[in-house]
Amino acid sequence: MLSNKFTNNHTRTMTTMNIEDVYTYAKQAYDLIPDDHPHSEEIKQLLIDQVNDELHDYDNTSVPYRRANTTRKGSD
C-alpha cells in the first residue's frame, strides 16, 4: 500500500487542471511510485490511464477562442 504521504498529497481533482498541470501532476505522481512496491507496474498503468482520460477530456471539452458578439461588415 502507498504511504499516506503519497495518497494525501497527490489525490487531486484533475478536471480543474490546465494541460500543463496534467503533465506536472503525472510526472510528480509517477516519480513518487516506489519501484520496489509489489504493485508498482499496476499503479503506474493506472496513473497513465488516468492521465490519458484527463487529456482526452481536456481535448474534447476545450473551446477554441471565438470572437463572440463581434460581427464584421459582410458577415452573415
Protein backbone atom coordinates (compact mmCIF):
# COMPACT_ATOMS: atom_id res chain seq x y z
CA MET A 1 0.00 0.00 0.00
CA LEU A 2 1.25 3.50 -0.80
CA SER A 3 2.11 5.70 2.12
CA ASN A 4 -0.31 8.34 3.34
CA LYS A 5 2.19 10.93 2.13
CA PHE A 6 1.58 9.80 -1.45
CA THR A 7 -2.18 9.40 -1.24
CA ASN A 8 -2.86 12.56 0.76
CA ASN A 9 -0.61 14.88 -1.23
CA HIS A 10 -1.41 13.61 -4.71
CA THR A 11 -5.13 12.99 -4.70
CA ARG A 12 -6.44 15.80 -6.85
CA THR A 13 -9.48 16.68 -8.85
CA MET A 14 -7.90 16.68 -12.26
CA THR A 15 -10.86 18.17 -14.11
CA THR A 16 -9.92 21.66 -12.91
CA MET A 17 -6.38 21.49 -14.30
CA ASN A 18 -4.95 23.03 -17.41
CA ILE A 19 -2.84 20.86 -19.68
CA GLU A 20 0.47 21.90 -18.08
CA ASP A 21 -0.93 20.92 -14.68
CA VAL A 22 -1.89 17.50 -16.02
CA TYR A 23 1.66 16.80 -17.18
CA THR A 24 3.17 18.18 -13.95
CA TYR A 25 0.82 16.04 -11.88
CA ALA A 26 1.64 12.95 -13.96
CA LYS A 27 5.41 13.41 -13.64
CA GLN A 28 5.30 14.09 -9.90
CA ALA A 29 2.95 11.19 -9.19
CA TYR A 30 4.92 8.80 -11.42
CA ASP A 31 8.21 9.77 -9.74
CA LEU A 32 6.73 9.05 -6.30
CA ILE A 33 5.73 5.48 -7.07
CA PRO A 34 8.34 3.29 -5.36
CA ASP A 35 10.00 0.84 -7.75
CA ASP A 36 10.13 -1.78 -5.02
CA HIS A 37 6.38 -1.63 -4.39
CA PRO A 38 4.86 -5.04 -5.21
CA HIS A 39 2.20 -3.42 -7.42
CA SER A 40 4.25 -0.55 -8.88
CA GLU A 41 3.61 -1.57 -12.50
CA GLU A 42 -0.14 -1.72 -11.94
CA ILE A 43 -0.10 1.64 -10.14
CA LYS A 44 1.90 3.20 -12.98
CA GLN A 45 -0.55 1.83 -15.56
CA LEU A 46 -3.50 3.18 -13.57
CA LEU A 47 -1.81 6.58 -13.44
CA ILE A 48 -1.19 6.50 -17.19
CA ASP A 49 -4.84 5.58 -17.77
CA GLN A 50 -5.97 8.42 -15.51
CA VAL A 51 -3.78 10.95 -17.29
CA ASN A 52 -4.89 9.70 -20.72
CA ASP A 53 -8.52 10.08 -19.66
CA GLU A 54 -7.85 13.59 -18.43
CA LEU A 55 -6.07 14.54 -21.67
CA HIS A 56 -8.95 13.08 -23.68
CA ASP A 57 -11.47 15.07 -21.63
CA TYR A 58 -9.38 18.21 -21.92
CA ASP A 59 -9.10 17.82 -25.69
CA ASN A 60 -12.82 17.24 -26.12
CA THR A 61 -14.09 19.96 -23.81
CA SER A 62 -11.77 22.86 -24.59
CA VAL A 63 -13.45 25.55 -26.61
CA PRO A 64 -11.16 27.34 -29.02
CA TYR A 65 -11.04 31.10 -28.94
CA ARG A 66 -14.04 32.55 -30.69
CA ARG A 67 -14.92 36.14 -31.33
CA ALA A 68 -18.29 36.20 -29.66
CA ASN A 69 -20.55 39.20 -30.19
CA THR A 70 -18.39 40.73 -32.90
CA THR A 71 -19.98 40.98 -36.27
CA ARG A 72 -17.81 42.27 -39.02
CA LYS A 73 -19.08 44.01 -42.10
CA GLY A 74 -20.07 41.46 -44.72
CA SER A 75 -20.51 38.58 -42.28
CA ASP A 76 -23.79 36.69 -42.02
